[in-house]
Amino acid sequence: MNLNAWKQFGVICSGIWLLLSGLVTAWKAIEALFTEDYVFYALLVKILPVYILFGLGPVIGFAVLMNRLGHPLGRVGLMCLEICAAIPFLWFLLLG
């Protein structure tokens, strides 16, 4: 079994997971802008903790697991994950 190929596959899947969960979070935040009276309360208490728990949590767990196995993610993999995590927030800022 080639661990490097599995690591690349994990980075790709984590990037897709960050994009999807981030876009759902951004969509919910945009909905909160139009429906909630207290927008910052909805963002800070209802929406962002869910993104941190279900969006960033598994990806950070994957990075920690790879580090503990002795095969940490390289600069390119981490940069890819950072870009995938930032794209939904940029989308939210452009639409909001």
PDB file of N, CA and C in Angstrom:
ATOM      1  N   MET A   1       0.846  -1.171   0.000  1.00  0.00           N
ATOM      2  CA  MET A   1       0.000   0.000   0.000  1.00  0.00           C
ATOM      3  C   MET A   1       0.893   1.236   0.000  1.00  0.00           C
ATOM      4  N   ASN A   2       0.627   2.144  -0.910  1.00  0.00           N
ATOM      5  CA  ASN A   2       1.400   3.364  -1.027  1.00  0.00           C
ATOM      6  C   ASN A   2       0.771   4.446  -0.153  1.00  0.00           C
ATOM      7  N   LEU A   3       1.443   4.790   0.926  1.00  0.00           N
ATOM      8  CA  LEU A   3       0.902   5.757   1.877  1.00  0.00           C
ATOM      9  C   LEU A   3       0.850   7.154   1.283  1.00  0.00           C
ATOM     10  N   ASN A   4       1.780   7.465   0.390  1.00  0.00           N
ATOM     11  CA  ASN A   4       1.791   8.789  -0.215  1.00  0.00           C
ATOM     12  C   ASN A   4       0.550   9.015  -1.078  1.00  0.00           C
ATOM     13  N   ALA A   5       0.130   7.980  -1.791  1.00  0.00           N
ATOM     14  CA  ALA A   5      -1.084   8.103  -2.609  1.00  0.00           C
ATOM     15  C   ALA A   5      -2.316   8.272  -1.727  1.00  0.00           C
ATOM     16  N   TRP A   6      -2.375   7.557  -0.610  1.00  0.00           N
ATOM     17  CA  TRP A   6      -3.501   7.704   0.313  1.00  0.00           C
ATOM     18  C   TRP A   6      -3.498   9.083   0.953  1.00  0.00           C
ATOM     19  N   LYS A   7      -2.310   9.606   1.213  1.00  0.00           N
ATOM     20  CA  LYS A   7      -2.222  10.944   1.791  1.00  0.00           C
ATOM     21  C   LYS A   7      -2.740  11.982   0.794  1.00  0.00           C
ATOM     22  N   GLN A   8      -2.379  11.854  -0.478  1.00  0.00           N
ATOM     23  CA  GLN A   8      -2.878  12.776  -1.499  1.00  0.00           C
ATOM     24  C   GLN A   8      -4.390  12.631  -1.661  1.00  0.00           C
ATOM     25  N   PHE A   9      -4.880  11.404  -1.635  1.00  0.00           N
ATOM     26  CA  PHE A   9      -6.319  11.167  -1.708  1.00  0.00           C
ATOM     27  C   PHE A   9      -7.030  11.809  -0.520  1.00  0.00           C
ATOM     28  N   GLY A  10      -6.441  11.708   0.663  1.00  0.00           N
ATOM     29  CA  GLY A  10      -7.012  12.327   1.862  1.00  0.00           C
ATOM     30  C   GLY A  10      -7.030  13.840   1.775  1.00  0.00           C
ATOM     31  N   VAL A  11      -5.988  14.430   1.202  1.00  0.00           N
ATOM     32  CA  VAL A  11      -5.957  15.883   1.041  1.00  0.00           C
ATOM     33  C   VAL A  11      -7.035  16.322   0.059  1.00  0.00           C
ATOM     34  N   ILE A  12      -7.215  15.576  -1.032  1.00  0.00           N
ATOM     35  CA  ILE A  12      -8.254  15.917  -2.009  1.00  0.00           C
ATOM     36  C   ILE A  12      -9.640  15.799  -1.381  1.00  0.00           C
ATOM     37  N   CYS A  13      -9.887  14.713  -0.676  1.00  0.00           N
ATOM     38  CA  CYS A  13     -11.188  14.538  -0.024  1.00  0.00           C
ATOM     39  C   CYS A  13     -11.418  15.586   1.057  1.00  0.00           C
ATOM     40  N   SER A  14     -10.382  15.943   1.802  1.00  0.00           N
ATOM     41  CA  SER A  14     -10.516  16.973   2.827  1.00  0.00           C
ATOM     42  C   SER A  14     -10.795  18.334   2.198  1.00  0.00           C
ATOM     43  N   GLY A  15     -10.161  18.617   1.067  1.00  0.00           N
ATOM     44  CA  GLY A  15     -10.421  19.874   0.370  1.00  0.00           C
ATOM     45  C   GLY A  15     -11.851  19.957  -0.120  1.00  0.00           C
ATOM     46  N   ILE A  16     -12.356  18.864  -0.671  1.00  0.00           N
ATOM     47  CA  ILE A  16     -13.751  18.840  -1.121  1.00  0.00           C
ATOM     48  C   ILE A  16     -14.686  18.996   0.075  1.00  0.00           C
ATOM     49  N   TRP A  17     -14.357  18.344   1.174  1.00  0.00           N
ATOM     50  CA  TRP A  17     -15.178  18.454   2.384  1.00  0.00           C
ATOM     51  C   TRP A  17     -15.198  19.890   2.894  1.00  0.00           C
ATOM     52  N   LEU A  18     -14.041  20.560   2.891  1.00  0.00           N
ATOM     53  CA  LEU A  18     -13.996  21.948   3.340  1.00  0.00           C
ATOM     54  C   LEU A  18     -14.811  22.849   2.422  1.00  0.00           C
ATOM     55  N   LEU A  19     -14.711  22.623   1.118  1.00  0.00           N
ATOM     56  CA  LEU A  19     -15.486  23.437   0.182  1.00  0.00           C
ATOM     57  C   LEU A  19     -16.984  23.253   0.392  1.00  0.00           C
ATOM     58  N   LEU A  20     -17.423  22.007   0.480  1.00  0.00           N
ATOM     59  CA  LEU A  20     -18.857  21.753   0.625  1.00  0.00           C
ATOM     60  C   LEU A  20     -19.401  22.260   1.954  1.00  0.00           C
ATOM     61  N   SER A  21     -18.717  21.950   3.040  1.00  0.00           N
ATOM     62  CA  SER A  21     -19.209  22.402   4.342  1.00  0.00           C
ATOM     63  C   SER A  21     -19.110  23.917   4.471  1.00  0.00           C
ATOM     64  N   GLY A  22     -18.098  24.508   3.871  1.00  0.00           N
ATOM     65  CA  GLY A  22     -17.975  25.963   3.902  1.00  0.00           C
ATOM     66  C   GLY A  22     -19.039  26.652   3.074  1.00  0.00           C
ATOM     67  N   LEU A  23     -19.369  26.078   1.919  1.00  0.00           N
ATOM     68  CA  LEU A  23     -20.418  26.676   1.093  1.00  0.00           C
ATOM     69  C   LEU A  23     -21.781  26.557   1.755  1.00  0.00           C
ATOM     70  N   VAL A  24     -22.040  25.442   2.423  1.00  0.00           N
ATOM     71  CA  VAL A  24     -23.300  25.307   3.169  1.00  0.00           C
ATOM     72  C   VAL A  24     -23.336  26.319   4.310  1.00  0.00           C
ATOM     73  N   THR A  25     -22.223  26.505   4.985  1.00  0.00           N
ATOM     74  CA  THR A  25     -22.156  27.485   6.070  1.00  0.00           C
ATOM     75  C   THR A  25     -22.364  28.893   5.538  1.00  0.00           C
ATOM     76  N   ALA A  26     -21.727  29.209   4.424  1.00  0.00           N
ATOM     77  CA  ALA A  26     -21.905  30.541   3.838  1.00  0.00           C
ATOM     78  C   ALA A  26     -23.344  30.750   3.393  1.00  0.00           C
ATOM     79  N   TRP A  27     -23.959  29.711   2.834  1.00  0.00           N
ATOM     80  CA  TRP A  27     -25.354  29.826   2.413  1.00  0.00           C
ATOM     81  C   TRP A  27     -26.272  30.066   3.616  1.00  0.00           C
ATOM     82  N   LYS A  28     -26.025  29.340   4.695  1.00  0.00           N
ATOM     83  CA  LYS A  28     -26.825  29.541   5.915  1.00  0.00           C
ATOM     84  C   LYS A  28     -26.599  30.941   6.490  1.00  0.00           C
ATOM     85  N   ALA A  29     -25.378  31.443   6.379  1.00  0.00           N
ATOM     86  CA  ALA A  29     -25.098  32.787   6.869  1.00  0.00           C
ATOM     87  C   ALA A  29     -25.824  33.830   6.032  1.00  0.00           C
ATOM     88  N   ILE A  30     -25.882  33.622   4.726  1.00  0.00           N
ATOM     89  CA  ILE A  30     -26.609  34.556   3.865  1.00  0.00           C
ATOM     90  C   ILE A  30     -28.105  34.492   4.166  1.00  0.00           C
ATOM     91  N   GLU A  31     -28.632  33.297   4.414  1.00  0.00           N
ATOM     92  CA  GLU A  31     -30.034  33.185   4.814  1.00  0.00           C
ATOM     93  C   GLU A  31     -30.282  33.907   6.128  1.00  0.00           C
ATOM     94  N   ALA A  32     -29.333  33.821   7.051  1.00  0.00           N
ATOM     95  CA  ALA A  32     -29.491  34.492   8.342  1.00  0.00           C
ATOM     96  C   ALA A  32     -29.487  36.009   8.178  1.00  0.00           C
ATOM     97  N   LEU A  33     -28.777  36.503   7.182  1.00  0.00           N
ATOM     98  CA  LEU A  33     -28.777  37.946   6.948  1.00  0.00           C
ATOM     99  C   LEU A  33     -30.169  38.461   6.604  1.00  0.00           C
ATOM    100  N   PHE A  34     -30.944  37.632   5.907  1.00  0.00           N
ATOM    101  CA  PHE A  34     -32.250  38.081   5.457  1.00  0.00           C
ATOM    102  C   PHE A  34     -33.392  37.693   6.391  1.00  0.00           C
ATOM    103  N   THR A  35     -33.175  36.725   7.277  1.00  0.00           N
ATOM    104  CA  THR A  35     -34.283  36.265   8.114  1.00  0.00           C
ATOM    105  C   THR A  35     -34.129  36.592   9.590  1.00  0.00           C
ATOM    106  N   GLU A  36     -32.936  36.695  10.087  1.00  0.00           N
ATOM    107  CA  GLU A  36     -32.717  36.899  11.519  1.00  0.00           C
ATOM    108  C   GLU A  36     -32.654  38.388  11.853  1.00  0.00           C
ATOM    109  N   ASP A  37     -33.125  38.720  13.045  1.00  0.00           N
ATOM    110  CA  ASP A  37     -32.992  40.088  13.531  1.00  0.00           C
ATOM    111  C   ASP A  37     -31.595  40.330  14.099  1.00  0.00           C
ATOM    112  N   TYR A  38     -31.069  39.326  14.748  1.00  0.00           N
ATOM    113  CA  TYR A  38     -29.735  39.426  15.342  1.00  0.00           C
ATOM    114  C   TYR A  38     -28.769  38.588  14.503  1.00  0.00           C
ATOM    115  N   VAL A  39     -28.198  39.211  13.493  1.00  0.00           N
ATOM    116  CA  VAL A  39     -27.378  38.488  12.524  1.00  0.00           C
ATOM    117  C   VAL A  39     -26.081  38.004  13.165  1.00  0.00           C
ATOM    118  N   PHE A  40     -25.412  38.853  13.928  1.00  0.00           N
ATOM    119  CA  PHE A  40     -24.142  38.442  14.531  1.00  0.00           C
ATOM    120  C   PHE A  40     -24.343  37.335  15.554  1.00  0.00           C
ATOM    121  N   TYR A  41     -25.459  37.372  16.264  1.00  0.00           N
ATOM    122  CA  TYR A  41     -25.765  36.298  17.195  1.00  0.00           C
ATOM    123  C   TYR A  41     -25.951  34.983  16.441  1.00  0.00           C
ATOM    124  N   ALA A  42     -26.680  35.027  15.338  1.00  0.00           N
ATOM    125  CA  ALA A  42     -26.899  33.807  14.544  1.00  0.00           C
ATOM    126  C   ALA A  42     -25.589  33.276  13.979  1.00  0.00           C
ATOM    127  N   LEU A  43     -24.725  34.189  13.534  1.00  0.00           N
ATOM    128  CA  LEU A  43     -23.447  33.741  12.973  1.00  0.00           C
ATOM    129  C   LEU A  43     -22.543  33.144  14.036  1.00  0.00           C
ATOM    130  N   LEU A  44     -22.424  33.820  15.167  1.00  0.00           N
ATOM    131  CA  LEU A  44     -21.460  33.384  16.178  1.00  0.00           C
ATOM    132  C   LEU A  44     -21.938  32.210  17.012  1.00  0.00           C
ATOM    133  N   VAL A  45     -23.239  32.105  17.234  1.00  0.00           N
ATOM    134  CA  VAL A  45     -23.733  31.071  18.136  1.00  0.00           C
ATOM    135  C   VAL A  45     -24.295  29.868  17.388  1.00  0.00           C
ATOM    136  N   LYS A  46     -24.908  30.086  16.242  1.00  0.00           N
ATOM    137  CA  LYS A  46     -25.573  28.983  15.561  1.00  0.00           C
ATOM    138  C   LYS A  46     -24.780  28.415  14.387  1.00  0.00           C
ATOM    139  N   ILE A  47     -24.157  29.258  13.592  1.00  0.00           N
ATOM    140  CA  ILE A  47     -23.617  28.806  12.318  1.00  0.00           C
ATOM    141  C   ILE A  47     -22.130  28.451  12.408  1.00  0.00           C
ATOM    142  N   LEU A  48     -21.300  29.336  12.937  1.00  0.00           N
ATOM    143  CA  LEU A  48     -19.861  29.074  12.963  1.00  0.00           C
ATOM    144  C   LEU A  48     -19.438  27.884  13.818  1.00  0.00           C
ATOM    145  N   PRO A  49     -20.044  27.634  14.988  1.00  0.00           N
ATOM    146  CA  PRO A  49     -19.645  26.433  15.731  1.00  0.00           C
ATOM    147  C   PRO A  49     -19.907  25.129  14.972  1.00  0.00           C
ATOM    148  N   VAL A  50     -20.978  25.104  14.196  1.00  0.00           N
ATOM    149  CA  VAL A  50     -21.259  23.904  13.400  1.00  0.00           C
ATOM    150  C   VAL A  50     -20.195  23.721  12.325  1.00  0.00           C
ATOM    151  N   TYR A  51     -19.759  24.824  11.699  1.00  0.00           N
ATOM    152  CA  TYR A  51     -18.705  24.724  10.689  1.00  0.00           C
ATOM    153  C   TYR A  51     -17.384  24.273  11.318  1.00  0.00           C
ATOM    154  N   ILE A  52     -17.092  24.790  12.489  1.00  0.00           N
ATOM    155  CA  ILE A  52     -15.845  24.399  13.158  1.00  0.00           C
ATOM    156  C   ILE A  52     -15.894  22.935  13.553  1.00  0.00           C
ATOM    157  N   LEU A  53     -17.037  22.478  14.056  1.00  0.00           N
ATOM    158  CA  LEU A  53     -17.154  21.097  14.515  1.00  0.00           C
ATOM    159  C   LEU A  53     -17.182  20.102  13.363  1.00  0.00           C
ATOM    160  N   PHE A  54     -18.012  20.367  12.369  1.00  0.00           N
ATOM    161  CA  PHE A  54     -18.200  19.391  11.296  1.00  0.00           C
ATOM    162  C   PHE A  54     -17.389  19.692  10.044  1.00  0.00           C
ATOM    163  N   GLY A  55     -16.922  20.908   9.872  1.00  0.00           N
ATOM    164  CA  GLY A  55     -16.141  21.250   8.691  1.00  0.00           C
ATOM    165  C   GLY A  55     -14.645  21.189   8.952  1.00  0.00           C
ATOM    166  N   LEU A  56     -14.197  21.956   9.922  1.00  0.00           N
ATOM    167  CA  LEU A  56     -12.761  22.015  10.203  1.00  0.00           C
ATOM    168  C   LEU A  56     -12.273  20.858  11.077  1.00  0.00           C
ATOM    169  N   GLY A  57     -13.136  20.344  11.935  1.00  0.00           N
ATOM    170  CA  GLY A  57     -12.736  19.277  12.861  1.00  0.00           C
ATOM    171  C   GLY A  57     -12.189  18.033  12.186  1.00  0.00           C
ATOM    172  N   PRO A  58     -12.901  17.451  11.229  1.00  0.00           N
ATOM    173  CA  PRO A  58     -12.370  16.257  10.563  1.00  0.00           C
ATOM    174  C   PRO A  58     -11.085  16.514   9.786  1.00  0.00           C
ATOM    175  N   VAL A  59     -10.960  17.701   9.202  1.00  0.00           N
ATOM    176  CA  VAL A  59      -9.755  18.011   8.427  1.00  0.00           C
ATOM    177  C   VAL A  59      -8.554  18.188   9.353  1.00  0.00           C
ATOM    178  N   ILE A  60      -8.763  18.849  10.463  1.00  0.00           N
ATOM    179  CA  ILE A  60      -7.673  18.995  11.430  1.00  0.00           C
ATOM    180  C   ILE A  60      -7.308  17.633  12.017  1.00  0.00           C
ATOM    181  N   GLY A  61      -8.317  16.792  12.257  1.00  0.00           N
ATOM    182  CA  GLY A  61      -8.050  15.431  12.732  1.00  0.00           C
ATOM    183  C   GLY A  61      -7.230  14.625  11.734  1.00  0.00           C
ATOM    184  N   PHE A  62      -7.525  14.765  10.453  1.00  0.00           N
ATOM    185  CA  PHE A  62      -6.746  14.086   9.411  1.00  0.00           C
ATOM    186  C   PHE A  62      -5.298  14.572   9.417  1.00  0.00           C
ATOM    187  N   ALA A  63      -5.097  15.883   9.537  1.00  0.00           N
ATOM    188  CA  ALA A  63      -3.730  16.425   9.555  1.00  0.00           C
ATOM    189  C   ALA A  63      -2.957  15.948  10.781  1.00  0.00           C
ATOM    190  N   VAL A  64      -3.620  15.900  11.933  1.00  0.00           N
ATOM    191  CA  VAL A  64      -2.965  15.423  13.156  1.00  0.00           C
ATOM    192  C   VAL A  64      -2.650  13.929  13.051  1.00  0.00           C
ATOM    193  N   LEU A  65      -3.579  13.155  12.494  1.00  0.00           N
ATOM    194  CA  LEU A  65      -3.342  11.721  12.315  1.00  0.00           C
ATOM    195  C   LEU A  65      -2.148  11.458  11.405  1.00  0.00           C
ATOM    196  N   MET A  66      -2.053  12.177  10.312  1.00  0.00           N
ATOM    197  CA  MET A  66      -0.919  11.992   9.405  1.00  0.00           C
ATOM    198  C   MET A  66       0.386  12.400  10.069  1.00  0.00           C
ATOM    199  N   ASN A  67       0.329  13.435  10.908  1.00  0.00           N
ATOM    200  CA  ASN A  67       1.532  13.853  11.621  1.00  0.00           C
ATOM    201  C   ASN A  67       1.960  12.785  12.627  1.00  0.00           C
ATOM    202  N   ARG A  68       0.993  12.181  13.311  1.00  0.00           N
ATOM    203  CA  ARG A  68       1.329  11.140  14.291  1.00  0.00           C
ATOM    204  C   ARG A  68       1.840   9.866  13.637  1.00  0.00           C
ATOM    205  N   LEU A  69       1.386   9.606  12.408  1.00  0.00           N
ATOM    206  CA  LEU A  69       1.889   8.441  11.683  1.00  0.00           C
ATOM    207  C   LEU A  69       3.289   8.657  11.133  1.00  0.00           C
ATOM    208  N   GLY A  70       3.789   9.873  11.245  1.00  0.00           N
ATOM    209  CA  GLY A  70       5.131  10.168  10.785  1.00  0.00           C
ATOM    210  C   GLY A  70       5.190  10.646   9.350  1.00  0.00           C
ATOM    211  N   HIS A  71       4.062  10.959   8.762  1.00  0.00           N
ATOM    212  CA  HIS A  71       4.001  11.466   7.388  1.00  0.00           C
ATOM    213  C   HIS A  71       3.191  12.754   7.365  1.00  0.00           C
ATOM    214  N   PRO A  72       3.774  13.849   7.886  1.00  0.00           N
ATOM    215  CA  PRO A  72       3.000  15.094   7.939  1.00  0.00           C
ATOM    216  C   PRO A  72       2.691  15.632   6.543  1.00  0.00           C
ATOM    217  N   LEU A  73       1.646  16.409   6.466  1.00  0.00           N
ATOM    218  CA  LEU A  73       1.275  17.025   5.199  1.00  0.00           C
ATOM    219  C   LEU A  73       2.312  18.066   4.824  1.00  0.00           C
ATOM    220  N   GLY A  74       2.621  18.146   3.559  1.00  0.00           N
ATOM    221  CA  GLY A  74       3.602  19.115   3.088  1.00  0.00           C
ATOM    222  C   GLY A  74       3.001  20.504   2.935  1.00  0.00           C
ATOM    223  N   ARG A  75       3.833  21.408   2.472  1.00  0.00           N
ATOM    224  CA  ARG A  75       3.386  22.781   2.285  1.00  0.00           C
ATOM    225  C   ARG A  75       2.269  22.881   1.251  1.00  0.00           C
ATOM    226  N   VAL A  76       2.395  22.126   0.185  1.00  0.00           N
ATOM    227  CA  VAL A  76       1.395  22.199  -0.881  1.00  0.00           C
ATOM    228  C   VAL A  76       0.049  21.666  -0.392  1.00  0.00           C
ATOM    229  N   GLY A  77       0.058  20.574   0.332  1.00  0.00           N
ATOM    230  CA  GLY A  77      -1.183  20.014   0.864  1.00  0.00           C
ATOM    231  C   GLY A  77      -1.857  20.955   1.841  1.00  0.00           C
ATOM    232  N   LEU A  78      -1.071  21.539   2.737  1.00  0.00           N
ATOM    233  CA  LEU A  78      -1.651  22.483   3.694  1.00  0.00           C
ATOM    234  C   LEU A  78      -2.156  23.743   3.003  1.00  0.00           C
ATOM    235  N   MET A  79      -1.419  24.205   1.988  1.00  0.00           N
ATOM    236  CA  MET A  79      -1.862  25.381   1.259  1.00  0.00           C
ATOM    237  C   MET A  79      -3.162  25.103   0.502  1.00  0.00           C
ATOM    238  N   CYS A  80      -3.276  23.921  -0.058  1.00  0.00           N
ATOM    239  CA  CYS A  80      -4.510  23.529  -0.744  1.00  0.00           C
ATOM    240  C   CYS A  80      -5.692  23.527   0.230  1.00  0.00           C
ATOM    241  N   LEU A  81      -5.493  22.976   1.408  1.00  0.00           N
ATOM    242  CA  LEU A  81      -6.562  22.954   2.406  1.00  0.00           C
ATOM    243  C   LEU A  81      -6.905  24.358   2.905  1.00  0.00           C
ATOM    244  N   GLU A  82      -5.905  25.220   3.038  1.00  0.00           N
ATOM    245  CA  GLU A  82      -6.167  26.590   3.457  1.00  0.00           C
ATOM    246  C   GLU A  82      -6.982  27.343   2.413  1.00  0.00           C
ATOM    247  N   ILE A  83      -6.665  27.139   1.147  1.00  0.00           N
ATOM    248  CA  ILE A  83      -7.416  27.803   0.078  1.00  0.00           C
ATOM    249  C   ILE A  83      -8.847  27.282   0.054  1.00  0.00           C
ATOM    250  N   CYS A  84      -9.013  25.971   0.214  1.00  0.00           N
ATOM    251  CA  CYS A  84     -10.361  25.393   0.227  1.00  0.00           C
ATOM    252  C   CYS A  84     -11.169  25.885   1.415  1.00  0.00           C
ATOM    253  N   ALA A  85     -10.516  26.185   2.521  1.00  0.00           N
ATOM    254  CA  ALA A  85     -11.234  26.715   3.687  1.00  0.00           C
ATOM    255  C   ALA A  85     -11.558  28.192   3.512  1.00  0.00           C
ATOM    256  N   ALA A  86     -10.769  28.923   2.739  1.00  0.00           N
ATOM    257  CA  ALA A  86     -10.978  30.366   2.579  1.00  0.00           C
ATOM    258  C   ALA A  86     -11.985  30.705   1.487  1.00  0.00           C
ATOM    259  N   ILE A  87     -12.145  29.854   0.483  1.00  0.00           N
ATOM    260  CA  ILE A  87     -13.026  30.154  -0.643  1.00  0.00           C
ATOM    261  C   ILE A  87     -14.472  30.414  -0.206  1.00  0.00           C
ATOM    262  N   PRO A  88     -15.076  29.613   0.676  1.00  0.00           N
ATOM    263  CA  PRO A  88     -16.463  29.924   1.083  1.00  0.00           C
ATOM    264  C   PRO A  88     -16.597  31.263   1.787  1.00  0.00           C
ATOM    265  N   PHE A  89     -15.594  31.656   2.561  1.00  0.00           N
ATOM    266  CA  PHE A  89     -15.683  32.941   3.236  1.00  0.00           C
ATOM    267  C   PHE A  89     -15.569  34.091   2.242  1.00  0.00           C
ATOM    268  N   LEU A  90     -14.734  33.930   1.238  1.00  0.00           N
ATOM    269  CA  LEU A  90     -14.664  34.945   0.188  1.00  0.00           C
ATOM    270  C   LEU A  90     -15.985  35.022  -0.573  1.00  0.00           C
ATOM    271  N   TRP A  91     -16.588  33.880  -0.834  1.00  0.00           N
ATOM    272  CA  TRP A  91     -17.888  33.835  -1.509  1.00  0.00           C
ATOM    273  C   TRP A  91     -18.936  34.545  -0.663  1.00  0.00           C
ATOM    274  N   PHE A  92     -18.920  34.309   0.638  1.00  0.00           N
ATOM    275  CA  PHE A  92     -19.866  34.958   1.542  1.00  0.00           C
ATOM    276  C   PHE A  92     -19.646  36.477   1.552  1.00  0.00           C
ATOM    277  N   LEU A  93     -18.399  36.912   1.567  1.00  0.00           N
ATOM    278  CA  LEU A  93     -18.128  38.347   1.590  1.00  0.00           C
ATOM    279  C   LEU A  93     -18.542  39.016   0.277  1.00  0.00           C
ATOM    280  N   LEU A  94     -18.384  38.313  -0.835  1.00  0.00           N
ATOM    281  CA  LEU A  94     -18.784  38.890  -2.120  1.00  0.00           C
ATOM    282  C   LEU A  94     -20.292  38.963  -2.277  1.00  0.00           C
ATOM    283  N   LEU A  95     -21.011  37.953  -1.765  1.00  0.00           N
ATOM    284  CA  LEU A  95     -22.463  37.959  -1.892  1.00  0.00           C
ATOM    285  C   LEU A  95     -23.171  38.737  -0.797  1.00  0.00           C
ATOM    286  N   GLY A  96     -22.543  38.798   0.373  1.00  0.00           N
ATOM    287  CA  GLY A  96     -23.200  39.434   1.509  1.00  0.00           C
ATOM    288  C   GLY A  96     -23.054  40.873   1.520  1.00  0.00           C
TER     289      GLY A  96
END
